[in-house]
Amino acid sequence: MTMALGFLGLGQMGAAIAERLQAAGHTLHVFDPSPAAIAPFVARGAVAETSATAVADAAPLVFACLPNGRVSEAVARDVAAGGAVKTYVEMSTIGSPALEKVRQIAAAKGIALADCPISGGPKGARAGTLTMLCAAPPEVRAIIRPYLEQVGRTIFEIGDRPGQAQLMKLVNNLVNAANMATAFEALVLGAKGGLDPDQMVAVLNVSTGQNSATLTKVPKSVLPGSFDYGSSLTTMLKDVDLGLAEATALEVPMLVHQQVGTLWRLAEQLGFGPQDFTALIKVMESWAGVEVRSRAAAPD
């Protein structure tokens, strides 16, 4: 079944998700502050709207993928002024407190909210391999599940209360950030001692040191020196800070992740924020005076 859908936020992640929905045959009503972001969708048949409210006037089901909680709250107020929207799907990673503000704004206008952050990056979105986390009342999950299945491969129904999926996403991203930090640091140690970077990764990936950084991020973005995995260092730091804020609110000590957060924050302060998050390793490399790059000859 195809229908008119609204989509707000056509950045790296949002655009990739919207592409999946549009490819499934849905007519998209889209809005983004950037005309350049909207143009490719209009060329494929989407309807460009002049505001988030206009999108919510045109579509009963609206998705949003936005950069931070402040933007999500402002956009939710615009959506709440729309006349057609019945269900609002917040796919941004903004943390539980910001999500609760969005829920209250939606509820005041009788709009159902689904808390649905995603994991897997823009490449995963375009490939249809995203992991989708969803927290919403059962009747809302039933409405949106067919559309989530068109975007991702694995859907976890985290609970009935919006905010639970935000917490699960931040747990994942804290582990991801720590994996990257520790893997990068150890690989720099090995490279400084003369070990072959490719062989180090091969050993780790069949041994107990295996993790998502050694399996994907290092081979795809660090060893070749491309640093193009698909998410910025600032975005990762944002998620780490949100996770630490959740821990503070729940009174959970985070001794390890506090140090991890310090490292990511330092990297941003050193100017790496706009770069791909795999560029974190460059900080350790600069300290050690060595690079973790493939020694394999480039193909002719």
Protein backbone atom coordinates (compact mmCIF):
# COMPACT_ATOMS: atom_id res chain seq x y z
CA MET A 1 0.00 0.00 0.00
CA THR A 2 1.33 3.42 -0.96
CA MET A 3 0.23 6.74 0.47
CA ALA A 4 1.19 10.36 0.95
CA LEU A 5 3.92 10.64 3.57
CA GLY A 6 5.59 13.67 5.07
CA PHE A 7 9.34 13.84 5.60
CA LEU A 8 11.22 16.56 7.47
CA GLY A 9 15.00 16.81 7.46
CA LEU A 10 16.92 15.74 4.37
CA GLY A 11 20.46 15.72 5.69
CA GLN A 12 22.81 12.76 5.25
CA MET A 13 20.66 10.36 7.24
CA GLY A 14 17.24 11.79 6.52
CA ALA A 15 17.80 11.87 2.78
CA ALA A 16 18.88 8.23 2.73
CA ILE A 17 15.76 7.15 4.64
CA ALA A 18 13.48 9.30 2.49
CA GLU A 19 14.99 7.75 -0.63
CA ARG A 20 13.90 4.31 0.59
CA LEU A 21 10.34 5.49 1.20
CA GLN A 22 10.16 7.22 -2.15
CA ALA A 23 11.52 4.14 -3.93
CA ALA A 24 8.73 2.10 -2.31
CA GLY A 25 6.24 4.20 -4.28
CA HIS A 26 5.02 6.65 -1.66
CA THR A 27 4.37 10.27 -2.60
CA LEU A 28 6.57 12.32 -0.31
CA HIS A 29 5.75 15.80 0.92
CA VAL A 30 9.12 17.15 1.99
CA PHE A 31 10.62 20.14 3.74
CA ASP A 32 14.21 21.07 4.56
CA PRO A 33 15.80 24.50 4.99
CA SER A 34 18.15 23.62 2.10
CA PRO A 35 16.60 23.85 -1.40
CA ALA A 36 19.51 21.76 -2.69
CA ALA A 37 18.51 18.91 -0.37
CA ILE A 38 14.92 19.01 -1.61
CA ALA A 39 15.69 19.23 -5.34
CA PRO A 40 16.57 15.55 -6.00
CA PHE A 41 13.33 14.41 -4.36
CA VAL A 42 11.23 16.82 -6.38
CA ALA A 43 12.93 15.58 -9.55
CA ARG A 44 11.71 12.09 -8.64
CA GLY A 45 8.15 13.22 -7.99
CA ALA A 46 8.08 14.48 -4.39
CA VAL A 47 6.11 17.58 -3.44
CA ALA A 48 8.20 20.39 -1.99
CA GLU A 49 6.41 22.16 0.85
CA THR A 50 7.25 25.58 2.24
CA SER A 51 7.31 24.59 5.92
CA ALA A 52 6.93 21.73 8.38
CA THR A 53 3.37 22.90 8.98
CA ALA A 54 2.61 22.62 5.27
CA VAL A 55 3.92 19.05 5.31
CA ALA A 56 1.66 18.28 8.27
CA ASP A 57 -1.25 19.83 6.36
CA ALA A 58 -0.68 17.42 3.48
CA ALA A 59 0.20 14.06 5.08
CA PRO A 60 -1.40 12.04 7.90
CA LEU A 61 1.91 10.33 8.69
CA VAL A 62 5.03 12.50 9.05
CA PHE A 63 8.62 11.37 9.62
CA ALA A 64 11.37 13.61 10.98
CA CYS A 65 15.15 13.13 11.04
CA LEU A 66 16.70 16.21 12.61
CA PRO A 67 20.09 17.24 14.02
CA ASN A 68 19.36 17.92 17.70
CA GLY A 69 16.73 18.31 20.38
CA ARG A 70 16.38 22.06 20.00
CA VAL A 71 15.52 21.70 16.32
CA SER A 72 13.24 18.73 17.00
CA GLU A 73 11.22 20.72 19.55
CA ALA A 74 10.84 23.70 17.19
CA VAL A 75 9.81 21.48 14.29
CA ALA A 76 7.34 19.58 16.46
CA ARG A 77 5.58 22.88 17.24
CA ASP A 78 5.28 23.56 13.53
CA VAL A 79 4.00 20.06 12.85
CA ALA A 80 1.43 20.36 15.63
CA ALA A 81 -0.11 23.29 13.74
CA GLY A 82 -0.84 21.05 10.74
CA GLY A 83 -4.35 19.90 9.92
CA ALA A 84 -3.80 16.44 8.41
CA VAL A 85 -1.12 14.80 10.55
CA LYS A 86 -2.27 12.04 12.90
CA THR A 87 1.02 10.23 13.57
CA TYR A 88 4.47 11.75 13.98
CA VAL A 89 7.59 9.57 13.79
CA GLU A 90 10.65 11.09 15.47
CA MET A 91 13.70 9.33 14.01
CA SER A 92 16.25 11.77 15.43
CA THR A 93 18.63 10.88 18.25
CA ILE A 94 17.83 13.58 20.80
CA GLY A 95 17.65 11.85 24.21
CA SER A 96 14.70 11.16 26.50
CA PRO A 97 14.13 14.70 27.91
CA ALA A 98 13.91 16.29 24.46
CA LEU A 99 11.76 13.42 23.20
CA GLU A 100 9.34 14.00 26.09
CA LYS A 101 8.98 17.65 25.08
CA VAL A 102 8.17 16.57 21.54
CA ARG A 103 5.63 14.05 22.86
CA GLN A 104 3.89 16.69 24.95
CA ILE A 105 3.68 19.08 22.01
CA ALA A 106 2.19 16.36 19.81
CA ALA A 107 -0.20 15.07 22.48
CA ALA A 108 -1.65 18.55 23.07
CA LYS A 109 -2.92 18.43 19.48
CA GLY A 110 -4.04 14.80 19.55
CA ILE A 111 -1.08 13.60 17.46
CA ALA A 112 0.38 10.18 18.26
CA LEU A 113 4.17 10.07 18.61
CA ALA A 114 6.50 7.20 17.77
CA ASP A 115 10.06 7.29 19.13
CA CYS A 116 12.09 5.62 16.36
CA PRO A 117 15.83 6.38 16.26
CA ILE A 118 17.87 4.36 13.80
CA SER A 119 21.33 2.82 13.66
CA GLY A 120 23.42 1.96 10.64
CA GLY A 121 24.36 5.23 8.96
CA PRO A 122 23.42 6.64 5.55
CA LYS A 123 25.01 3.70 3.71
CA GLY A 124 22.89 1.29 5.75
CA ALA A 125 19.79 3.34 5.02
CA ARG A 126 20.36 3.26 1.27
CA ALA A 127 21.04 -0.48 1.42
CA GLY A 128 17.93 -1.12 3.52
CA THR A 129 19.97 -2.67 6.34
CA LEU A 130 19.26 -0.21 9.14
CA THR A 131 18.41 -1.28 12.66
CA MET A 132 15.17 0.43 13.68
CA LEU A 133 14.32 1.01 17.33
CA CYS A 134 10.71 1.81 18.14
CA ALA A 135 8.92 2.85 21.33
CA ALA A 136 5.25 3.76 21.04
CA PRO A 137 1.84 2.44 22.08
CA PRO A 138 1.02 -0.86 20.30
CA GLU A 139 -1.58 0.71 18.01
CA VAL A 140 0.94 3.31 16.84
CA ARG A 141 3.62 0.68 16.23
CA ALA A 142 1.13 -1.24 14.08
CA ILE A 143 0.52 1.83 11.91
CA ILE A 144 4.16 2.61 11.24
CA ARG A 145 5.73 -0.86 11.10
CA PRO A 146 5.05 -1.42 7.36
CA TYR A 147 6.97 1.76 6.58
CA LEU A 148 9.83 0.91 8.92
CA GLU A 149 10.13 -2.43 7.13
CA GLN A 150 10.63 -0.55 3.87
CA VAL A 151 13.56 1.33 5.39
CA GLY A 152 15.42 -1.13 7.64
CA ARG A 153 16.24 -4.80 8.02
CA THR A 154 15.82 -5.28 11.76
CA ILE A 155 13.08 -3.69 13.87
CA PHE A 156 13.18 -3.82 17.65
CA GLU A 157 10.00 -2.85 19.48
CA ILE A 158 11.61 -1.45 22.63
CA GLY A 159 8.45 -0.64 24.56
CA ASP A 160 5.16 1.23 24.74
CA ARG A 161 6.58 4.48 26.12
CA PRO A 162 8.27 7.00 23.83
CA GLY A 163 11.75 7.73 25.20
CA GLN A 164 12.70 4.09 25.72
CA ALA A 165 14.05 3.81 22.17
CA GLN A 166 16.10 6.97 22.70
CA LEU A 167 17.77 5.38 25.72
CA MET A 168 18.49 2.17 23.80
CA LYS A 169 20.01 4.15 20.93
CA LEU A 170 22.28 6.02 23.34
CA VAL A 171 23.37 2.78 25.02
CA ASN A 172 24.36 1.54 21.57
CA ASN A 173 26.20 4.72 20.67
CA LEU A 174 28.09 4.83 23.96
CA VAL A 175 29.38 1.32 23.24
CA ASN A 176 30.16 2.31 19.65
CA ALA A 177 32.10 5.40 20.75
CA ALA A 178 34.08 3.41 23.32
CA ASN A 179 34.83 0.63 20.81
CA MET A 180 36.23 3.16 18.37
CA ALA A 181 38.31 4.97 20.98
CA THR A 182 39.90 1.83 22.41
CA ALA A 183 40.42 0.11 19.06
CA PHE A 184 42.04 3.19 17.55
CA GLU A 185 44.33 3.68 20.53
CA ALA A 186 45.48 0.05 20.55
CA LEU A 187 46.05 -0.01 16.78
CA VAL A 188 48.23 3.09 17.05
CA LEU A 189 50.25 1.29 19.73
CA GLY A 190 50.76 -1.69 17.42
CA ALA A 191 51.69 0.48 14.44
CA LYS A 192 54.22 2.38 16.56
CA GLY A 193 55.80 -0.96 17.45
CA GLY A 194 56.08 -1.93 13.79
CA LEU A 195 53.08 -4.25 13.40
CA ASP A 196 51.37 -4.40 10.04
CA PRO A 197 47.98 -2.57 10.26
CA ASP A 198 46.18 -4.96 7.90
CA GLN A 199 47.41 -7.97 9.81
CA MET A 200 46.50 -6.42 13.16
CA VAL A 201 42.91 -5.98 12.00
CA ALA A 202 42.82 -9.51 10.57
CA VAL A 203 44.01 -10.94 13.90
CA LEU A 204 41.56 -8.88 15.94
CA ASN A 205 38.63 -9.91 13.75
CA VAL A 206 39.13 -13.61 14.49
CA SER A 207 40.07 -13.02 18.13
CA THR A 208 38.56 -11.63 21.30
CA GLY A 209 39.34 -8.02 20.39
CA GLN A 210 36.80 -8.05 17.57
CA ASN A 211 34.24 -5.21 17.63
CA SER A 212 32.33 -2.98 15.24
CA ALA A 213 35.32 -0.66 14.83
CA THR A 214 37.68 -3.44 13.75
CA LEU A 215 35.04 -5.17 11.61
CA THR A 216 33.86 -2.20 9.57
CA LYS A 217 35.13 1.25 10.40
CA VAL A 218 38.86 0.55 10.37
CA PRO A 219 38.89 -1.61 7.21
CA LYS A 220 36.55 0.67 5.25
CA SER A 221 37.68 4.12 6.33
CA VAL A 222 40.93 4.10 8.32
CA LEU A 223 43.21 1.60 6.57
CA PRO A 224 42.56 3.10 3.11
CA GLY A 225 42.76 6.62 4.55
CA SER A 226 39.41 7.64 3.07
CA PHE A 227 37.74 8.65 6.35
CA ASP A 228 34.31 8.55 4.75
CA TYR A 229 32.24 6.17 6.87
CA GLY A 230 29.31 8.57 6.84
CA SER A 231 28.82 10.41 10.14
CA SER A 232 30.60 13.42 11.59
CA LEU A 233 32.70 13.43 14.72
CA THR A 234 30.49 16.18 16.14
CA THR A 235 27.42 13.98 15.72
CA MET A 236 29.09 11.16 17.66
CA LEU A 237 30.11 13.57 20.42
CA LYS A 238 26.52 14.82 20.60
CA ASP A 239 25.30 11.27 21.19
CA VAL A 240 27.98 10.55 23.80
CA ASP A 241 27.01 13.70 25.69
CA LEU A 242 23.33 12.74 25.52
CA GLY A 243 24.17 9.30 26.88
CA LEU A 244 26.16 10.75 29.74
CA ALA A 245 23.28 13.10 30.53
CA GLU A 246 20.91 10.11 30.72
CA ALA A 247 23.35 8.43 33.11
CA THR A 248 23.44 11.51 35.32
CA ALA A 249 19.64 11.66 35.41
CA LEU A 250 19.45 7.97 36.36
CA GLU A 251 22.32 8.29 38.86
CA VAL A 252 24.50 5.71 37.11
CA PRO A 253 28.29 6.25 37.43
CA MET A 254 30.03 6.17 34.04
CA LEU A 255 33.75 6.19 34.85
CA VAL A 256 34.88 4.67 31.55
CA HIS A 257 32.51 6.61 29.32
CA GLN A 258 33.37 9.89 31.00
CA GLN A 259 36.95 9.36 29.79
CA VAL A 260 35.69 8.32 26.35
CA GLY A 261 33.65 11.52 26.21
CA THR A 262 36.71 13.57 27.14
CA LEU A 263 38.61 12.10 24.20
CA TRP A 264 35.83 12.79 21.67
CA ARG A 265 35.43 16.32 23.06
CA LEU A 266 39.15 16.97 22.72
CA ALA A 267 39.06 15.81 19.09
CA GLU A 268 36.31 18.31 18.34
CA GLN A 269 38.24 21.08 20.09
CA LEU A 270 41.24 20.23 17.89
CA GLY A 271 39.11 20.94 14.81
CA PHE A 272 38.05 17.45 13.78
CA GLY A 273 34.32 18.03 14.43
CA PRO A 274 33.17 18.38 10.79
CA GLN A 275 35.27 15.41 9.68
CA ASP A 276 34.11 11.81 9.57
CA PHE A 277 34.02 10.25 13.03
CA THR A 278 36.72 7.77 12.04
CA ALA A 279 39.08 10.78 12.00
CA LEU A 280 39.25 10.36 15.79
CA ILE A 281 42.24 8.07 15.19
CA LYS A 282 44.19 11.02 13.78
CA VAL A 283 44.39 12.48 17.29
CA MET A 284 46.18 9.38 18.62
CA GLU A 285 48.30 9.14 15.48
CA SER A 286 49.51 12.71 15.94
CA TRP A 287 50.54 11.96 19.53
CA ALA A 288 52.43 8.80 18.55
CA GLY A 289 53.90 10.06 15.30
CA VAL A 290 52.61 7.11 13.29
CA GLU A 291 49.69 6.32 10.96
CA VAL A 292 47.50 3.22 10.86
CA ARG A 293 47.20 2.72 7.08
CA SER A 294 47.20 -0.25 4.78
CA ARG A 295 50.59 -1.20 3.39
CA ALA A 296 48.98 -2.99 0.45
CA ALA A 297 49.80 -1.48 -2.90
CA ALA A 298 46.95 0.48 -4.45
CA PRO A 299 45.50 -1.22 -7.58
CA ASP A 300 46.63 0.14 -10.94
